[in-house]
């Protein structure tokens, strides 16, 4: 499904308005799967940060999360991540989609 490049993510006034747009920007299955893997690895890195106290795990968490997501967008979805224009809503969308995949609301 092609994405609507005419929609500016900054135009949304609430996360509830933004999330349907966010899901359209993640219509490619491979992109969603890469987000899911990156988010899971990020959580593992954050757990390692808590366990070891080594701050490099925070950097690893960011690299995993954004690296896998951006690979999904640029390589498969063929769009720019919404995080470039709406970082907080995009981060919220990442974790909402992650939960929705776990609960079966969104196809993995």
Protein backbone atom coordinates (compact mmCIF):
# COMPACT_ATOMS: atom_id res chain seq x y z
CA UNK A 1 0.00 0.00 0.00
CA UNK A 2 1.55 3.32 -1.01
CA UNK A 3 1.77 5.95 1.67
CA UNK A 4 0.24 9.41 1.43
CA UNK A 5 3.22 11.76 1.33
CA UNK A 6 0.90 14.78 1.39
CA UNK A 7 0.06 14.20 5.07
CA UNK A 8 2.32 16.09 7.45
CA UNK A 9 2.67 14.13 10.72
CA UNK A 10 2.92 17.46 12.58
CA UNK A 11 -0.70 18.21 11.67
CA UNK A 12 -2.14 15.71 14.17
CA UNK A 13 -3.40 17.20 17.41
CA UNK A 14 -3.52 13.97 19.42
CA UNK A 15 -1.98 10.54 19.48
CA UNK A 16 -5.43 9.07 18.76
CA UNK A 17 -5.46 11.01 15.47
CA UNK A 18 -1.84 10.10 14.71
CA UNK A 19 -1.97 6.34 15.30
CA UNK A 20 -4.05 5.41 12.20
CA UNK A 21 -1.57 7.41 10.11
CA UNK A 22 1.28 5.62 11.88
CA UNK A 23 -0.23 2.23 11.02
CA UNK A 24 -0.61 3.20 7.35
CA UNK A 25 3.08 4.11 7.38
CA UNK A 26 3.76 0.53 8.56
CA UNK A 27 1.60 -1.41 6.12
CA UNK A 28 4.53 -3.49 4.83
CA UNK A 29 4.81 -6.75 6.78
CA UNK A 30 8.61 -6.81 6.67
CA UNK A 31 8.78 -3.26 7.99
CA UNK A 32 6.49 -4.18 10.93
CA UNK A 33 8.54 -7.29 11.65
CA UNK A 34 11.77 -5.29 11.65
CA UNK A 35 10.19 -2.81 14.09
CA UNK A 36 9.14 -5.69 16.31
CA UNK A 37 12.60 -7.28 16.29
CA UNK A 38 14.28 -3.92 16.92
CA UNK A 39 11.94 -3.15 19.81
CA UNK A 40 12.51 -6.58 21.34
CA UNK A 41 16.28 -6.19 21.08
CA UNK A 42 15.99 -2.70 22.58
CA UNK A 43 14.16 -4.13 25.57
CA UNK A 44 16.88 -6.77 25.96
CA UNK A 45 19.54 -4.06 25.86
CA UNK A 46 17.67 -2.01 28.48
CA UNK A 47 17.45 -5.12 30.66
CA UNK A 48 21.20 -5.55 30.29
CA UNK A 49 21.67 -1.91 31.29
CA UNK A 50 19.72 -2.57 34.48
CA UNK A 51 21.55 -5.82 35.18
CA UNK A 52 25.09 -4.64 34.46
CA UNK A 53 24.86 -0.89 34.98
CA UNK A 54 26.95 -0.41 31.82
CA UNK A 55 25.72 2.71 29.98
CA UNK A 56 26.72 1.42 26.54
CA UNK A 57 23.62 -0.77 26.64
CA UNK A 58 21.50 2.38 26.35
CA UNK A 59 23.33 3.21 23.13
CA UNK A 60 22.81 -0.35 21.92
CA UNK A 61 19.09 -0.06 22.69
CA UNK A 62 18.84 3.08 20.54
CA UNK A 63 20.86 1.50 17.73
CA UNK A 64 18.69 -1.63 17.71
CA UNK A 65 15.40 0.24 17.86
CA UNK A 66 16.15 2.91 15.29
CA UNK A 67 18.42 0.76 13.11
CA UNK A 68 15.84 -1.96 12.51
CA UNK A 69 13.02 0.58 12.12
CA UNK A 70 14.89 2.70 9.61
CA UNK A 71 15.94 -0.37 7.66
CA UNK A 72 12.26 -1.29 7.46
CA UNK A 73 11.22 2.16 6.29
CA UNK A 74 13.97 2.90 3.78
CA UNK A 75 14.44 -0.66 2.55
CA UNK A 76 10.91 -2.07 2.48
CA UNK A 77 8.21 0.50 3.23
CA UNK A 78 9.93 3.08 1.00
CA UNK A 79 9.00 6.04 3.17
CA UNK A 80 10.59 8.30 5.75
CA UNK A 81 10.04 7.44 9.41
CA UNK A 82 7.51 9.68 11.15
CA UNK A 83 10.05 10.05 13.94
CA UNK A 84 11.78 12.71 11.83
CA UNK A 85 8.76 15.03 12.18
CA UNK A 86 6.82 13.70 15.18
CA UNK A 87 9.32 11.92 17.47
CA UNK A 88 7.18 11.52 20.61
CA UNK A 89 4.05 10.28 18.82
CA UNK A 90 6.23 8.01 16.70
CA UNK A 91 7.85 6.49 19.79
CA UNK A 92 4.42 6.03 21.34
CA UNK A 93 3.24 4.43 18.09
CA UNK A 94 6.19 2.03 18.09
CA UNK A 95 5.27 0.69 21.51
CA UNK A 96 1.53 0.66 20.83
CA UNK A 97 2.11 -1.31 17.62
CA UNK A 98 4.50 -3.62 19.52
CA UNK A 99 1.77 -4.35 22.09
CA UNK A 100 -0.85 -4.73 19.34
CA UNK A 101 1.35 -7.31 17.59
CA UNK A 102 1.82 -9.25 20.85
CA UNK A 103 -1.94 -9.28 21.48
CA UNK A 104 -2.77 -10.26 17.89
CA UNK A 105 -4.55 -7.01 16.99
CA UNK A 106 -1.97 -6.45 14.26
CA UNK A 107 -0.61 -9.21 12.06
CA UNK A 108 3.04 -10.13 12.56
